[in-house]
C-alpha atoms as a PDB file:
ATOM      1  CA  UNK A   1       9.625 112.146 135.533  1.00  0.00           C
ATOM      2  CA  UNK A   2      11.295 114.121 132.741  1.00  0.00           C
ATOM      3  CA  UNK A   3       8.234 116.292 132.070  1.00  0.00           C
ATOM      4  CA  UNK A   4       8.992 119.343 129.903  1.00  0.00           C
ATOM      5  CA  UNK A   5       5.476 120.775 129.853  1.00  0.00           C
ATOM      6  CA  UNK A   6       5.541 124.547 129.496  1.00  0.00           C
ATOM      7  CA  UNK A   7       9.209 124.666 128.545  1.00  0.00           C
ATOM      8  CA  UNK A   8      10.644 126.162 125.369  1.00  0.00           C
ATOM      9  CA  UNK A   9      13.550 124.522 123.554  1.00  0.00           C
ATOM     10  CA  UNK A  10      15.773 125.307 120.586  1.00  0.00           C
ATOM     11  CA  UNK A  11      17.448 122.453 118.727  1.00  0.00           C
ATOM     12  CA  UNK A  12      20.005 123.365 116.064  1.00  0.00           C
ATOM     13  CA  UNK A  13      20.458 120.899 113.246  1.00  0.00           C
ATOM     14  CA  UNK A  14      16.982 119.702 114.134  1.00  0.00           C
ATOM     15  CA  UNK A  15      16.097 118.700 110.593  1.00  0.00           C
ATOM     16  CA  UNK A  16      17.548 115.184 110.668  1.00  0.00           C
ATOM     17  CA  UNK A  17      19.330 112.464 112.628  1.00  0.00           C
ATOM     18  CA  UNK A  18      20.003 113.018 116.313  1.00  0.00           C
ATOM     19  CA  UNK A  19      18.566 116.529 116.141  1.00  0.00           C
ATOM     20  CA  UNK A  20      15.287 115.277 114.749  1.00  0.00           C
ATOM     21  CA  UNK A  21      15.084 112.573 117.424  1.00  0.00           C
ATOM     22  CA  UNK A  22      15.664 115.179 120.155  1.00  0.00           C
ATOM     23  CA  UNK A  23      12.936 117.391 118.706  1.00  0.00           C
ATOM     24  CA  UNK A  24      10.472 114.502 118.747  1.00  0.00           C
ATOM     25  CA  UNK A  25      11.352 113.394 122.288  1.00  0.00           C
ATOM     26  CA  UNK A  26      11.165 116.934 123.670  1.00  0.00           C
ATOM     27  CA  UNK A  27       7.809 117.545 122.020  1.00  0.00           C
ATOM     28  CA  UNK A  28       6.458 114.253 123.367  1.00  0.00           C
ATOM     29  CA  UNK A  29       7.549 115.365 126.845  1.00  0.00           C
ATOM     30  CA  UNK A  30       5.510 118.560 126.504  1.00  0.00           C
ATOM     31  CA  UNK A  31       8.008 121.176 125.324  1.00  0.00           C
ATOM     32  CA  UNK A  32       7.463 123.695 122.563  1.00  0.00           C
ATOM     33  CA  UNK A  33      10.384 123.148 120.207  1.00  0.00           C
ATOM     34  CA  UNK A  34      11.972 125.572 117.751  1.00  0.00           C
ATOM     35  CA  UNK A  35      13.711 123.648 114.980  1.00  0.00           C
ATOM     36  CA  UNK A  36      16.751 125.513 113.653  1.00  0.00           C
ATOM     37  CA  UNK A  37      18.402 124.209 110.498  1.00  0.00           C
ATOM     38  CA  UNK A  38      19.984 125.592 107.338  1.00  0.00           C
ATOM     39  CA  UNK A  39      18.085 122.955 105.321  1.00  0.00           C
ATOM     40  CA  UNK A  40      14.635 124.514 105.041  1.00  0.00           C
ATOM     41  CA  UNK A  41      12.909 121.452 103.600  1.00  0.00           C
ATOM     42  CA  UNK A  42      14.256 119.188 106.336  1.00  0.00           C
ATOM     43  CA  UNK A  43      13.527 121.667 109.101  1.00  0.00           C
ATOM     44  CA  UNK A  44       9.965 122.277 107.986  1.00  0.00           C
ATOM     45  CA  UNK A  45       9.385 118.547 107.649  1.00  0.00           C
ATOM     46  CA  UNK A  46      10.407 117.891 111.248  1.00  0.00           C
ATOM     47  CA  UNK A  47       8.587 120.909 112.678  1.00  0.00           C
ATOM     48  CA  UNK A  48       5.465 119.815 110.822  1.00  0.00           C
ATOM     49  CA  UNK A  49       5.525 116.451 112.588  1.00  0.00           C
ATOM     50  CA  UNK A  50       4.859 117.961 116.021  1.00  0.00           C
ATOM     51  CA  UNK A  51       1.936 120.058 117.172  1.00  0.00           C
ATOM     52  CA  UNK A  52       4.173 122.463 119.089  1.00  0.00           C
ATOM     53  CA  UNK A  53       6.892 122.880 116.472  1.00  0.00           C
ATOM     54  CA  UNK A  54       8.224 125.948 114.705  1.00  0.00           C
ATOM     55  CA  UNK A  55      10.901 125.954 111.991  1.00  0.00           C
ATOM     56  CA  UNK A  56      13.387 128.818 111.900  1.00  0.00           C
ATOM     57  CA  UNK A  57      16.144 128.927 109.246  1.00  0.00           C
ATOM     58  CA  UNK A  58      19.628 129.248 110.692  1.00  0.00           C
ATOM     59  CA  UNK A  59      23.228 128.717 109.631  1.00  0.00           C
ATOM     60  CA  UNK A  60      25.087 128.414 112.929  1.00  0.00           C
ATOM     61  CA  UNK A  61      28.398 129.371 111.314  1.00  0.00           C
ATOM     62  CA  UNK A  62      26.964 132.773 110.343  1.00  0.00           C
ATOM     63  CA  UNK A  63      26.667 135.269 113.212  1.00  0.00           C
ATOM     64  CA  UNK A  64      24.046 137.333 111.370  1.00  0.00           C
ATOM     65  CA  UNK A  65      21.936 134.252 110.651  1.00  0.00           C
ATOM     66  CA  UNK A  66      22.099 133.208 114.305  1.00  0.00           C
ATOM     67  CA  UNK A  67      21.136 136.707 115.459  1.00  0.00           C
ATOM     68  CA  UNK A  68      18.121 136.726 113.151  1.00  0.00           C
ATOM     69  CA  UNK A  69      17.052 133.292 114.337  1.00  0.00           C
ATOM     70  CA  UNK A  70      17.398 134.344 117.987  1.00  0.00           C
ATOM     71  CA  UNK A  71      15.249 137.415 117.408  1.00  0.00           C
ATOM     72  CA  UNK A  72      12.617 135.250 115.747  1.00  0.00           C
ATOM     73  CA  UNK A  73      12.578 132.873 118.704  1.00  0.00           C
ATOM     74  CA  UNK A  74      12.281 135.820 121.086  1.00  0.00           C
ATOM     75  CA  UNK A  75       9.254 137.027 119.145  1.00  0.00           C
ATOM     76  CA  UNK A  76       7.523 133.799 120.182  1.00  0.00           C
ATOM     77  CA  UNK A  77       8.887 133.494 123.728  1.00  0.00           C
ATOM     78  CA  UNK A  78      10.842 135.798 126.000  1.00  0.00           C
ATOM     79  CA  UNK A  79      13.532 133.307 126.925  1.00  0.00           C
ATOM     80  CA  UNK A  80      14.465 129.690 126.465  1.00  0.00           C
ATOM     81  CA  UNK A  81      14.543 126.887 128.987  1.00  0.00           C
ATOM     82  CA  UNK A  82      16.574 124.458 126.867  1.00  0.00           C
ATOM     83  CA  UNK A  83      19.211 124.954 124.168  1.00  0.00           C
ATOM     84  CA  UNK A  84      20.599 122.000 122.224  1.00  0.00           C
ATOM     85  CA  UNK A  85      23.650 122.748 120.087  1.00  0.00           C
ATOM     86  CA  UNK A  86      23.429 119.778 117.755  1.00  0.00           C
ATOM     87  CA  UNK A  87      24.356 121.160 114.323  1.00  0.00           C
ATOM     88  CA  UNK A  88      27.621 119.721 113.067  1.00  0.00           C
ATOM     89  CA  UNK A  89      29.540 118.522 110.039  1.00  0.00           C
ATOM     90  CA  UNK A  90      32.305 115.972 109.477  1.00  0.00           C
ATOM     91  CA  UNK A  91      35.372 115.209 107.394  1.00  0.00           C
ATOM     92  CA  UNK A  92      37.510 112.161 106.644  1.00  0.00           C
ATOM     93  CA  UNK A  93      41.239 112.816 106.668  1.00  0.00           C
ATOM     94  CA  UNK A  94      44.609 112.521 108.406  1.00  0.00           C
ATOM     95  CA  UNK A  95      47.190 115.196 109.155  1.00  0.00           C
ATOM     96  CA  UNK A  96      48.571 114.662 105.641  1.00  0.00           C
ATOM     97  CA  UNK A  97      45.263 114.789 103.782  1.00  0.00           C
ATOM     98  CA  UNK A  98      43.403 117.453 105.792  1.00  0.00           C
ATOM     99  CA  UNK A  99      43.701 120.890 104.246  1.00  0.00           C
ATOM    100  CA  UNK A 100      43.651 124.040 106.369  1.00  0.00           C
ATOM    101  CA  UNK A 101      40.365 125.010 104.744  1.00  0.00           C
ATOM    102  CA  UNK A 102      38.863 121.647 105.807  1.00  0.00           C
ATOM    103  CA  UNK A 103      39.692 122.375 109.436  1.00  0.00           C
ATOM    104  CA  UNK A 104      38.399 125.943 109.097  1.00  0.00           C
ATOM    105  CA  UNK A 105      35.085 124.689 107.666  1.00  0.00           C
ATOM    106  CA  UNK A 106      34.544 122.210 110.497  1.00  0.00           C
ATOM    107  CA  UNK A 107      35.686 124.661 113.134  1.00  0.00           C
ATOM    108  CA  UNK A 108      33.244 127.268 111.822  1.00  0.00           C
ATOM    109  CA  UNK A 109      30.263 124.980 112.321  1.00  0.00           C
ATOM    110  CA  UNK A 110      31.213 122.579 115.109  1.00  0.00           C
ATOM    111  CA  UNK A 111      32.948 125.027 117.438  1.00  0.00           C
ATOM    112  CA  UNK A 112      32.076 128.578 116.456  1.00  0.00           C
ATOM    113  CA  UNK A 113      28.512 127.452 115.815  1.00  0.00           C
ATOM    114  CA  UNK A 114      28.184 126.392 119.465  1.00  0.00           C
ATOM    115  CA  UNK A 115      29.710 129.710 120.533  1.00  0.00           C
ATOM    116  CA  UNK A 116      27.476 131.835 118.289  1.00  0.00           C
ATOM    117  CA  UNK A 117      24.224 130.149 119.289  1.00  0.00           C
ATOM    118  CA  UNK A 118      25.012 130.020 122.992  1.00  0.00           C
ATOM    119  CA  UNK A 119      26.002 133.677 123.042  1.00  0.00           C
ATOM    120  CA  UNK A 120      22.730 134.556 121.332  1.00  0.00           C
ATOM    121  CA  UNK A 121      20.458 132.747 123.801  1.00  0.00           C
ATOM    122  CA  UNK A 122      22.370 132.602 127.085  1.00  0.00           C
ATOM    123  CA  UNK A 123      21.782 136.165 128.388  1.00  0.00           C
ATOM    124  CA  UNK A 124      18.040 135.591 128.798  1.00  0.00           C
ATOM    125  CA  UNK A 125      18.663 132.270 130.531  1.00  0.00           C
ATOM    126  CA  UNK A 126      21.050 133.964 132.930  1.00  0.00           C
ATOM    127  CA  UNK A 127      18.551 136.728 133.574  1.00  0.00           C
ATOM    128  CA  UNK A 128      15.916 134.270 134.779  1.00  0.00           C
ATOM    129  CA  UNK A 129      18.542 132.081 136.514  1.00  0.00           C
ATOM    130  CA  UNK A 130      17.415 128.866 134.898  1.00  0.00           C
ATOM    131  CA  UNK A 131      18.198 126.813 131.829  1.00  0.00           C
ATOM    132  CA  UNK A 132      19.933 123.807 130.344  1.00  0.00           C
ATOM    133  CA  UNK A 133      22.448 124.004 127.502  1.00  0.00           C
ATOM    134  CA  UNK A 134      23.216 120.642 125.877  1.00  0.00           C
ATOM    135  CA  UNK A 135      26.093 120.404 123.413  1.00  0.00           C
ATOM    136  CA  UNK A 136      26.231 117.387 121.131  1.00  0.00           C
ATOM    137  CA  UNK A 137      29.918 116.508 120.852  1.00  0.00           C
ATOM    138  CA  UNK A 138      31.097 113.003 119.890  1.00  0.00           C
ATOM    139  CA  UNK A 139      33.060 110.037 121.113  1.00  0.00           C
ATOM    140  CA  UNK A 140      35.607 111.721 118.821  1.00  0.00           C
ATOM    141  CA  UNK A 141      35.767 114.451 121.469  1.00  0.00           C
ATOM    142  CA  UNK A 142      36.889 111.963 124.115  1.00  0.00           C
ATOM    143  CA  UNK A 143      39.205 109.606 122.236  1.00  0.00           C
ATOM    144  CA  UNK A 144      40.997 109.941 118.932  1.00  0.00           C
ATOM    145  CA  UNK A 145      39.596 108.246 115.829  1.00  0.00           C
ATOM    146  CA  UNK A 146      41.637 107.328 112.777  1.00  0.00           C
ATOM    147  CA  UNK A 147      41.057 109.440 109.651  1.00  0.00           C
ATOM    148  CA  UNK A 148      39.071 112.029 111.621  1.00  0.00           C
ATOM    149  CA  UNK A 149      41.696 114.641 112.444  1.00  0.00           C
ATOM    150  CA  UNK A 150      39.591 117.758 111.813  1.00  0.00           C
ATOM    151  CA  UNK A 151      36.426 116.245 113.239  1.00  0.00           C
ATOM    152  CA  UNK A 152      38.080 115.073 116.459  1.00  0.00           C
ATOM    153  CA  UNK A 153      39.883 118.385 116.847  1.00  0.00           C
ATOM    154  CA  UNK A 154      36.596 120.270 116.797  1.00  0.00           C
ATOM    155  CA  UNK A 155      34.699 117.814 118.988  1.00  0.00           C
ATOM    156  CA  UNK A 156      37.429 117.873 121.644  1.00  0.00           C
ATOM    157  CA  UNK A 157      36.951 121.653 121.530  1.00  0.00           C
ATOM    158  CA  UNK A 158      33.196 121.293 122.100  1.00  0.00           C
ATOM    159  CA  UNK A 159      33.869 119.223 125.237  1.00  0.00           C
ATOM    160  CA  UNK A 160      36.285 121.904 126.436  1.00  0.00           C
ATOM    161  CA  UNK A 161      33.811 124.685 125.700  1.00  0.00           C
ATOM    162  CA  UNK A 162      31.148 122.865 127.672  1.00  0.00           C
ATOM    163  CA  UNK A 163      33.311 122.445 130.752  1.00  0.00           C
ATOM    164  CA  UNK A 164      34.480 126.055 130.684  1.00  0.00           C
ATOM    165  CA  UNK A 165      30.967 127.432 130.269  1.00  0.00           C
ATOM    166  CA  UNK A 166      29.755 125.222 133.123  1.00  0.00           C
ATOM    167  CA  UNK A 167      32.464 126.538 135.444  1.00  0.00           C
ATOM    168  CA  UNK A 168      31.985 130.148 134.410  1.00  0.00           C
ATOM    169  CA  UNK A 169      28.258 129.977 135.183  1.00  0.00           C
ATOM    170  CA  UNK A 170      28.098 127.314 137.887  1.00  0.00           C
ATOM    171  CA  UNK A 171      26.134 129.463 140.346  1.00  0.00           C
ATOM    172  CA  UNK A 172      23.716 131.055 137.905  1.00  0.00           C
ATOM    173  CA  UNK A 173      21.087 128.319 137.617  1.00  0.00           C
ATOM    174  CA  UNK A 174      22.066 127.571 134.011  1.00  0.00           C
ATOM    175  CA  UNK A 175      23.673 124.177 133.389  1.00  0.00           C
ATOM    176  CA  UNK A 176      25.972 123.078 130.554  1.00  0.00           C
ATOM    177  CA  UNK A 177      26.590 119.465 129.568  1.00  0.00           C
ATOM    178  CA  UNK A 178      27.880 117.563 126.559  1.00  0.00           C
ATOM    179  CA  UNK A 179      26.679 114.315 125.040  1.00  0.00           C
ATOM    180  CA  UNK A 180      29.313 112.259 123.228  1.00  0.00           C
ATOM    181  CA  UNK A 181      27.644 109.675 120.984  1.00  0.00           C
ATOM    182  CA  UNK A 182      29.500 106.804 119.400  1.00  0.00           C
ATOM    183  CA  UNK A 183      28.626 105.749 115.880  1.00  0.00           C
ATOM    184  CA  UNK A 184      24.900 106.426 115.342  1.00  0.00           C
ATOM    185  CA  UNK A 185      22.860 105.558 112.251  1.00  0.00           C
ATOM    186  CA  UNK A 186      22.019 108.989 110.863  1.00  0.00           C
ATOM    187  CA  UNK A 187      22.127 110.722 107.455  1.00  0.00           C
ATOM    188  CA  UNK A 188      25.326 112.390 108.710  1.00  0.00           C
ATOM    189  CA  UNK A 189      27.022 109.012 109.163  1.00  0.00           C
ATOM    190  CA  UNK A 190      25.684 107.774 105.829  1.00  0.00           C
ATOM    191  CA  UNK A 191      27.312 110.759 104.133  1.00  0.00           C
ATOM    192  CA  UNK A 192      30.633 109.994 105.832  1.00  0.00           C
ATOM    193  CA  UNK A 193      30.434 106.353 104.760  1.00  0.00           C
ATOM    194  CA  UNK A 194      29.946 107.469 101.178  1.00  0.00           C
ATOM    195  CA  UNK A 195      33.398 109.061 101.291  1.00  0.00           C
ATOM    196  CA  UNK A 196      35.045 105.639 101.553  1.00  0.00           C
ATOM    197  CA  UNK A 197      36.010 103.552  98.533  1.00  0.00           C
ATOM    198  CA  UNK A 198      33.807 100.694  99.803  1.00  0.00           C
ATOM    199  CA  UNK A 199      30.920 102.124 101.893  1.00  0.00           C
ATOM    200  CA  UNK A 200      29.514  98.690 102.776  1.00  0.00           C
ATOM    201  CA  UNK A 201      32.755  97.455 104.301  1.00  0.00           C
ATOM    202  CA  UNK A 202      33.141 100.806 106.056  1.00  0.00           C
ATOM    203  CA  UNK A 203      29.652 100.386 107.556  1.00  0.00           C
ATOM    204  CA  UNK A 204      30.494  96.913 108.837  1.00  0.00           C
ATOM    205  CA  UNK A 205      33.720  98.123 110.397  1.00  0.00           C
ATOM    206  CA  UNK A 206      31.974 101.107 111.942  1.00  0.00           C
ATOM    207  CA  UNK A 207      29.348  98.882 113.557  1.00  0.00           C
ATOM    208  CA  UNK A 208      31.997  96.442 114.778  1.00  0.00           C
ATOM    209  CA  UNK A 209      33.970  99.231 116.478  1.00  0.00           C
ATOM    210  CA  UNK A 210      31.341  99.324 119.243  1.00  0.00           C
ATOM    211  CA  UNK A 211      31.596  96.558 121.829  1.00  0.00           C
ATOM    212  CA  UNK A 212      27.875  95.940 121.338  1.00  0.00           C
ATOM    213  CA  UNK A 213      28.539  95.189 117.668  1.00  0.00           C
ATOM    214  CA  UNK A 214      26.105  97.733 116.275  1.00  0.00           C
ATOM    215  CA  UNK A 215      25.645 101.435 115.748  1.00  0.00           C
ATOM    216  CA  UNK A 216      23.360 103.414 118.006  1.00  0.00           C
ATOM    217  CA  UNK A 217      19.957 104.824 117.147  1.00  0.00           C
ATOM    218  CA  UNK A 218      19.174 108.561 117.315  1.00  0.00           C
ATOM    219  CA  UNK A 219      16.458 107.934 119.907  1.00  0.00           C
ATOM    220  CA  UNK A 220      19.043 106.442 122.262  1.00  0.00           C
ATOM    221  CA  UNK A 221      20.914 109.742 122.240  1.00  0.00           C
ATOM    222  CA  UNK A 222      17.719 111.778 122.508  1.00  0.00           C
ATOM    223  CA  UNK A 223      16.866 109.953 125.746  1.00  0.00           C
ATOM    224  CA  UNK A 224      20.008 111.376 127.346  1.00  0.00           C
ATOM    225  CA  UNK A 225      19.146 114.847 126.083  1.00  0.00           C
ATOM    226  CA  UNK A 226      15.719 114.542 127.689  1.00  0.00           C
ATOM    227  CA  UNK A 227      17.305 113.731 131.039  1.00  0.00           C
ATOM    228  CA  UNK A 228      19.680 116.699 130.796  1.00  0.00           C
ATOM    229  CA  UNK A 229      16.830 119.011 129.815  1.00  0.00           C
ATOM    230  CA  UNK A 230      14.582 117.991 132.707  1.00  0.00           C
ATOM    231  CA  UNK A 231      14.637 119.189 136.304  1.00  0.00           C
ATOM    232  CA  UNK A 232      15.700 115.706 137.448  1.00  0.00           C
ATOM    233  CA  UNK A 233      19.254 116.522 136.245  1.00  0.00           C
ATOM    234  CA  UNK A 234      19.480 119.736 138.290  1.00  0.00           C
ATOM    235  CA  UNK A 235      22.710 118.536 139.969  1.00  0.00           C
ATOM    236  CA  UNK A 236      24.439 117.816 136.649  1.00  0.00           C
ATOM    237  CA  UNK A 237      26.680 120.399 135.004  1.00  0.00           C
ATOM    238  CA  UNK A 238      30.037 120.276 133.244  1.00  0.00           C
ATOM    239  CA  UNK A 239      29.540 116.595 132.524  1.00  0.00           C
ATOM    240  CA  UNK A 240      30.414 114.586 129.438  1.00  0.00           C
ATOM    241  CA  UNK A 241      27.860 111.864 128.769  1.00  0.00           C
ATOM    242  CA  UNK A 242      29.467 109.100 126.728  1.00  0.00           C
ATOM    243  CA  UNK A 243      26.905 106.954 124.892  1.00  0.00           C
ATOM    244  CA  UNK A 244      29.019 104.837 122.595  1.00  0.00           C
ATOM    245  CA  UNK A 245      28.064 101.164 122.802  1.00  0.00           C
ATOM    246  CA  UNK A 246      31.354 100.438 124.518  1.00  0.00           C
ATOM    247  CA  UNK A 247      33.562 102.087 121.872  1.00  0.00           C
ATOM    248  CA  UNK A 248      35.766 103.785 124.474  1.00  0.00           C
ATOM    249  CA  UNK A 249      35.743 100.954 127.028  1.00  0.00           C
ATOM    250  CA  UNK A 250      38.824  99.373 125.501  1.00  0.00           C
ATOM    251  CA  UNK A 251      39.949  96.926 122.853  1.00  0.00           C
END
């Protein structure tokens, strides 16, 4: 089960964290993976770890950069089978401390980035009537989180985008789903922790917010992406997969 042999996948933000784990799991399942990231060193490092990897520089917030990356991918393969919109950024702040430019910055990457990349690759998927688009949202796209106003705003939007795209293309053979991870131990989370006055206490509180009492591992999220990429999930579209260690189950 979950064999991706012969398939071609793009993973944005594939140079670290959840993106890197997805790249590794897809490659192990037989896919050829194109690692898109604005961090060239990180992207090349990950692509170099797999025999079927290819790094392509891309800033998902920049339409021209996305278009160039899409053309590069098309020079290797006519169309994709799997697209993972994983690239994202975060911000700590409330309604009183979040500046308009903070929200614009997050919206440009977390929401418009998904739009730009999907628009660049979807037409070929539609033409061959097959494909899986996986958007990495967040538990912050399902429930509100304190001090994460801009982040939650954009991740709720990603969930909405996913559902709308799934409905708009329900009979085309292309599926759209979102994964909403809880707190996962990644460089992204480490950077957010560094924004607190006491990062160690913040880490402990973050781990304790999951009912399981720990943060998740990137590979645990990548396993869900593998399922959504494979033919075994052919009946799944418009879904929001919550993988949060019990964060949203209740208090």
